Amino acid sequence: MNSIQIIGRLTKDPELTTTKAGQALCRMRVALPRPGSDAGTVYIDVVAWERLAETCGEHLAQGRQVAVSGRLDYSEWSDAEGARHSRHEIVANGIDFLAQPKTKHGEAG
């Protein structure tokens, strides 16, 4: 089984693009507090495809709280200089839009 669910806030506006094959692709990063009072933050990359990608690109913005469900994916590649890179990310099959970002007055925007 490969299933993951997280709730966190977007660290920046989602990036909506189109692949060479014409598929909508949306990349975003979600910040999650680590358990414990001063344990820091975990940052998770999320990718959405097709209609979900378009919806996220149109309606989400930095600071928005989201609930993401999907599967964990791993990829490896080499850059132009031959350096190897790798990444874990969530491939979303569902994203629920939760709390709006807070304004400087502490209210949901």
N, C-alpha and C. Protein backbone atom coordinates (compact mmCIF):
# COMPACT_ATOMS: atom_id res chain seq x y z
N MET A 1 0.84 -1.17 0.00
CA MET A 1 0.00 0.00 0.00
C MET A 1 0.89 1.24 0.00
N ASN A 2 0.55 2.21 -0.80
CA ASN A 2 1.27 3.48 -0.88
C ASN A 2 0.25 4.59 -0.80
N SER A 3 0.00 5.08 0.40
CA SER A 3 -1.01 6.11 0.63
C SER A 3 -0.52 7.07 1.68
N ILE A 4 -0.73 8.38 1.44
CA ILE A 4 -0.27 9.38 2.39
C ILE A 4 -1.30 10.50 2.46
N GLN A 5 -1.45 11.06 3.66
CA GLN A 5 -2.35 12.20 3.87
C GLN A 5 -1.65 13.19 4.77
N ILE A 6 -1.70 14.47 4.39
CA ILE A 6 -1.08 15.52 5.18
C ILE A 6 -1.99 16.74 5.22
N ILE A 7 -1.81 17.57 6.25
CA ILE A 7 -2.45 18.88 6.33
C ILE A 7 -1.36 19.88 6.66
N GLY A 8 -1.29 20.95 5.87
CA GLY A 8 -0.30 21.98 6.10
C GLY A 8 -0.65 23.23 5.31
N ARG A 9 0.29 24.18 5.28
CA ARG A 9 0.08 25.45 4.58
C ARG A 9 1.05 25.58 3.41
N LEU A 10 0.57 26.18 2.31
CA LEU A 10 1.40 26.40 1.13
C LEU A 10 2.47 27.43 1.43
N THR A 11 3.72 27.14 1.06
CA THR A 11 4.82 28.06 1.32
C THR A 11 4.93 29.17 0.27
N LYS A 12 4.34 28.97 -0.90
CA LYS A 12 4.29 29.98 -1.94
C LYS A 12 3.13 29.64 -2.88
N ASP A 13 2.84 30.52 -3.82
CA ASP A 13 1.77 30.24 -4.78
C ASP A 13 2.11 29.01 -5.60
N PRO A 14 1.12 28.17 -5.91
CA PRO A 14 1.36 26.99 -6.75
C PRO A 14 1.86 27.40 -8.14
N GLU A 15 2.65 26.53 -8.76
CA GLU A 15 3.19 26.78 -10.10
C GLU A 15 2.48 25.86 -11.09
N LEU A 16 1.61 26.44 -11.91
CA LEU A 16 0.84 25.68 -12.90
C LEU A 16 1.55 25.77 -14.24
N THR A 17 1.86 24.61 -14.83
CA THR A 17 2.50 24.54 -16.14
C THR A 17 1.80 23.48 -16.98
N THR A 18 2.25 23.36 -18.21
CA THR A 18 1.74 22.32 -19.11
C THR A 18 2.93 21.53 -19.63
N THR A 19 2.82 20.20 -19.65
CA THR A 19 3.90 19.36 -20.16
C THR A 19 3.94 19.45 -21.69
N LYS A 20 5.00 18.91 -22.27
CA LYS A 20 5.11 18.87 -23.74
C LYS A 20 3.95 18.09 -24.36
N ALA A 21 3.42 17.13 -23.61
CA ALA A 21 2.29 16.34 -24.09
C ALA A 21 0.95 17.04 -23.89
N GLY A 22 0.96 18.24 -23.30
CA GLY A 22 -0.26 19.00 -23.13
C GLY A 22 -1.01 18.75 -21.83
N GLN A 23 -0.40 18.06 -20.88
CA GLN A 23 -1.05 17.79 -19.60
C GLN A 23 -0.79 18.92 -18.61
N ALA A 24 -1.83 19.33 -17.88
CA ALA A 24 -1.67 20.34 -16.84
C ALA A 24 -0.93 19.73 -15.65
N LEU A 25 0.02 20.47 -15.10
CA LEU A 25 0.85 20.03 -13.99
C LEU A 25 0.97 21.19 -13.01
N CYS A 26 0.69 20.94 -11.74
CA CYS A 26 0.81 21.98 -10.72
C CYS A 26 1.72 21.48 -9.61
N ARG A 27 2.76 22.27 -9.32
CA ARG A 27 3.70 21.94 -8.25
C ARG A 27 3.50 22.92 -7.10
N MET A 28 3.55 22.40 -5.89
CA MET A 28 3.43 23.24 -4.70
C MET A 28 4.21 22.62 -3.56
N ARG A 29 4.55 23.44 -2.57
CA ARG A 29 5.25 22.96 -1.38
C ARG A 29 4.38 23.26 -0.17
N VAL A 30 4.25 22.25 0.69
CA VAL A 30 3.42 22.37 1.89
C VAL A 30 4.32 22.29 3.12
N ALA A 31 4.11 23.21 4.06
CA ALA A 31 4.85 23.23 5.32
C ALA A 31 4.00 22.58 6.41
N LEU A 32 4.62 21.65 7.14
CA LEU A 32 3.95 20.95 8.24
C LEU A 32 4.76 21.15 9.51
N PRO A 33 4.10 21.48 10.61
CA PRO A 33 4.86 21.57 11.87
C PRO A 33 5.25 20.17 12.33
N ARG A 34 6.49 20.02 12.79
CA ARG A 34 6.92 18.74 13.38
C ARG A 34 6.28 18.62 14.76
N PRO A 35 5.95 17.41 15.17
CA PRO A 35 5.40 17.24 16.52
C PRO A 35 6.40 17.71 17.58
N GLY A 36 5.92 18.37 18.60
CA GLY A 36 6.78 18.90 19.65
C GLY A 36 6.78 20.41 19.59
N SER A 37 7.10 21.04 20.70
CA SER A 37 6.98 22.50 20.80
C SER A 37 7.96 23.25 19.91
N ASP A 38 9.22 22.87 19.89
CA ASP A 38 10.22 23.59 19.09
C ASP A 38 10.91 22.67 18.09
N ALA A 39 10.16 21.75 17.50
CA ALA A 39 10.76 20.74 16.64
C ALA A 39 10.97 21.21 15.20
N GLY A 40 10.48 22.40 14.84
CA GLY A 40 10.72 22.91 13.49
C GLY A 40 9.60 22.55 12.52
N THR A 41 9.94 22.59 11.25
CA THR A 41 8.96 22.42 10.18
C THR A 41 9.47 21.40 9.16
N VAL A 42 8.55 20.63 8.59
CA VAL A 42 8.85 19.71 7.50
C VAL A 42 8.24 20.30 6.23
N TYR A 43 8.98 20.27 5.13
CA TYR A 43 8.49 20.79 3.85
C TYR A 43 8.30 19.61 2.89
N ILE A 44 7.11 19.51 2.31
CA ILE A 44 6.76 18.40 1.43
C ILE A 44 6.38 18.96 0.07
N ASP A 45 6.99 18.42 -1.00
CA ASP A 45 6.63 18.79 -2.37
C ASP A 45 5.41 17.98 -2.80
N VAL A 46 4.48 18.65 -3.47
CA VAL A 46 3.24 18.02 -3.93
C VAL A 46 3.08 18.33 -5.41
N VAL A 47 2.65 17.34 -6.18
CA VAL A 47 2.36 17.55 -7.59
C VAL A 47 0.94 17.06 -7.87
N ALA A 48 0.21 17.86 -8.65
CA ALA A 48 -1.15 17.49 -9.06
C ALA A 48 -1.19 17.54 -10.58
N TRP A 49 -2.06 16.71 -11.16
CA TRP A 49 -2.17 16.59 -12.61
C TRP A 49 -3.58 16.92 -13.10
N GLU A 50 -3.66 17.31 -14.36
CA GLU A 50 -4.90 17.51 -15.11
C GLU A 50 -5.86 18.48 -14.42
N ARG A 51 -7.12 18.09 -14.25
CA ARG A 51 -8.13 19.02 -13.72
C ARG A 51 -7.80 19.45 -12.30
N LEU A 52 -7.29 18.55 -11.46
CA LEU A 52 -6.89 18.92 -10.10
C LEU A 52 -5.80 19.98 -10.14
N ALA A 53 -4.85 19.83 -11.06
CA ALA A 53 -3.78 20.82 -11.21
C ALA A 53 -4.34 22.18 -11.60
N GLU A 54 -5.25 22.19 -12.54
CA GLU A 54 -5.86 23.45 -12.99
C GLU A 54 -6.62 24.14 -11.86
N THR A 55 -7.38 23.36 -11.09
CA THR A 55 -8.15 23.91 -9.97
C THR A 55 -7.22 24.51 -8.91
N CYS A 56 -6.14 23.79 -8.59
CA CYS A 56 -5.18 24.29 -7.60
C CYS A 56 -4.51 25.57 -8.09
N GLY A 57 -4.11 25.59 -9.35
CA GLY A 57 -3.46 26.77 -9.91
C GLY A 57 -4.37 27.99 -9.93
N GLU A 58 -5.65 27.77 -10.12
CA GLU A 58 -6.62 28.87 -10.20
C GLU A 58 -7.03 29.40 -8.83
N HIS A 59 -7.09 28.53 -7.81
CA HIS A 59 -7.73 28.92 -6.55
C HIS A 59 -6.83 28.95 -5.32
N LEU A 60 -5.64 28.39 -5.38
CA LEU A 60 -4.78 28.35 -4.19
C LEU A 60 -3.74 29.45 -4.23
N ALA A 61 -3.28 29.85 -3.04
CA ALA A 61 -2.24 30.87 -2.92
C ALA A 61 -1.43 30.61 -1.66
N GLN A 62 -0.28 31.25 -1.59
CA GLN A 62 0.61 31.12 -0.44
C GLN A 62 -0.15 31.32 0.86
N GLY A 63 0.13 30.48 1.84
CA GLY A 63 -0.47 30.59 3.15
C GLY A 63 -1.75 29.81 3.33
N ARG A 64 -2.36 29.35 2.25
CA ARG A 64 -3.62 28.59 2.32
C ARG A 64 -3.36 27.23 2.96
N GLN A 65 -4.21 26.84 3.88
CA GLN A 65 -4.11 25.52 4.47
C GLN A 65 -4.81 24.52 3.56
N VAL A 66 -4.15 23.38 3.33
CA VAL A 66 -4.70 22.35 2.45
C VAL A 66 -4.55 20.98 3.11
N ALA A 67 -5.45 20.08 2.76
CA ALA A 67 -5.34 18.67 3.12
C ALA A 67 -5.07 17.92 1.82
N VAL A 68 -3.96 17.19 1.78
CA VAL A 68 -3.54 16.49 0.57
C VAL A 68 -3.60 14.99 0.81
N SER A 69 -4.19 14.27 -0.13
CA SER A 69 -4.14 12.81 -0.09
C SER A 69 -3.58 12.34 -1.43
N GLY A 70 -2.79 11.28 -1.38
CA GLY A 70 -2.19 10.77 -2.60
C GLY A 70 -1.23 9.65 -2.31
N ARG A 71 -0.23 9.53 -3.19
CA ARG A 71 0.78 8.48 -3.03
C ARG A 71 2.16 9.11 -3.02
N LEU A 72 3.08 8.48 -2.34
CA LEU A 72 4.46 8.95 -2.28
C LEU A 72 5.20 8.45 -3.51
N ASP A 73 5.95 9.34 -4.15
CA ASP A 73 6.70 8.99 -5.35
C ASP A 73 8.16 9.42 -5.17
N TYR A 74 9.06 8.71 -5.84
CA TYR A 74 10.50 8.99 -5.76
C TYR A 74 11.05 9.05 -7.18
N SER A 75 11.89 10.04 -7.44
CA SER A 75 12.51 10.13 -8.77
C SER A 75 13.98 10.49 -8.63
N GLU A 76 14.75 10.07 -9.63
CA GLU A 76 16.19 10.38 -9.72
C GLU A 76 16.48 10.91 -11.10
N TRP A 77 17.45 11.85 -11.21
CA TRP A 77 17.85 12.37 -12.51
C TRP A 77 19.25 12.96 -12.40
N SER A 78 19.84 13.21 -13.55
CA SER A 78 21.15 13.87 -13.64
C SER A 78 20.96 15.21 -14.32
N ASP A 79 21.66 16.22 -13.81
CA ASP A 79 21.58 17.54 -14.44
C ASP A 79 22.59 17.65 -15.58
N ALA A 80 22.68 18.81 -16.20
CA ALA A 80 23.54 19.01 -17.37
C ALA A 80 25.02 18.78 -17.05
N GLU A 81 25.41 18.99 -15.79
CA GLU A 81 26.81 18.77 -15.39
C GLU A 81 27.06 17.33 -14.95
N GLY A 82 26.04 16.49 -14.97
CA GLY A 82 26.19 15.09 -14.60
C GLY A 82 25.96 14.80 -13.12
N ALA A 83 25.61 15.82 -12.33
CA ALA A 83 25.34 15.60 -10.91
C ALA A 83 24.02 14.87 -10.75
N ARG A 84 23.99 13.91 -9.83
CA ARG A 84 22.78 13.13 -9.58
C ARG A 84 21.91 13.84 -8.55
N HIS A 85 20.61 13.80 -8.76
CA HIS A 85 19.64 14.39 -7.85
C HIS A 85 18.53 13.39 -7.60
N SER A 86 17.84 13.57 -6.47
CA SER A 86 16.68 12.72 -6.18
C SER A 86 15.66 13.54 -5.41
N ARG A 87 14.41 13.05 -5.42
CA ARG A 87 13.35 13.77 -4.75
C ARG A 87 12.21 12.82 -4.40
N HIS A 88 11.65 13.01 -3.22
CA HIS A 88 10.39 12.40 -2.83
C HIS A 88 9.32 13.47 -2.96
N GLU A 89 8.14 13.11 -3.43
CA GLU A 89 7.03 14.05 -3.50
C GLU A 89 5.73 13.27 -3.42
N ILE A 90 4.68 13.99 -3.07
CA ILE A 90 3.35 13.40 -3.06
C ILE A 90 2.70 13.67 -4.41
N VAL A 91 2.21 12.62 -5.06
CA VAL A 91 1.39 12.76 -6.26
C VAL A 91 -0.05 12.76 -5.76
N ALA A 92 -0.69 13.93 -5.81
CA ALA A 92 -2.00 14.11 -5.21
C ALA A 92 -3.11 13.49 -6.04
N ASN A 93 -4.04 12.84 -5.35
CA ASN A 93 -5.28 12.42 -6.02
C ASN A 93 -6.46 13.19 -5.45
N GLY A 94 -6.20 13.98 -4.41
CA GLY A 94 -7.22 14.85 -3.83
C GLY A 94 -6.58 15.94 -3.00
N ILE A 95 -7.10 17.16 -3.13
CA ILE A 95 -6.63 18.28 -2.32
C ILE A 95 -7.86 19.05 -1.85
N ASP A 96 -8.03 19.12 -0.54
CA ASP A 96 -9.12 19.89 0.05
C ASP A 96 -8.60 21.26 0.45
N PHE A 97 -9.33 22.29 0.09
CA PHE A 97 -8.96 23.66 0.43
C PHE A 97 -9.51 23.96 1.82
N LEU A 98 -8.63 24.25 2.76
CA LEU A 98 -9.04 24.49 4.15
C LEU A 98 -8.94 25.99 4.45
N ALA A 99 -8.37 26.35 5.59
CA ALA A 99 -8.35 27.73 6.06
C ALA A 99 -7.59 28.66 5.12
N GLN A 100 -8.14 29.86 4.96
CA GLN A 100 -7.48 30.92 4.20
C GLN A 100 -6.25 31.39 4.97
N PRO A 101 -5.28 32.03 4.29
CA PRO A 101 -4.16 32.62 5.02
C PRO A 101 -4.64 33.72 5.95
N LYS A 102 -3.94 33.92 7.06
CA LYS A 102 -4.32 34.96 7.98
C LYS A 102 -3.80 36.31 7.51
N THR A 103 -4.58 37.35 7.70
CA THR A 103 -4.15 38.70 7.38
C THR A 103 -3.29 39.22 8.51
N LYS A 104 -2.74 40.41 8.36
CA LYS A 104 -1.91 40.96 9.43
C LYS A 104 -2.72 41.31 10.66
N HIS A 105 -4.05 41.32 10.55
CA HIS A 105 -4.93 41.58 11.70
C HIS A 105 -5.36 40.28 12.37
N GLY A 106 -4.84 39.14 11.91
CA GLY A 106 -5.13 37.84 12.50
C GLY A 106 -6.41 37.19 12.02
N GLU A 107 -7.06 37.79 11.02
CA GLU A 107 -8.29 37.23 10.49
C GLU A 107 -8.00 36.47 9.21
N ALA A 108 -8.85 35.50 8.89
CA ALA A 108 -8.70 34.77 7.63
C ALA A 108 -8.97 35.73 6.48
N GLY A 109 -8.09 35.67 5.44
CA GLY A 109 -8.21 36.57 4.30
C GLY A 109 -9.09 36.01 3.30
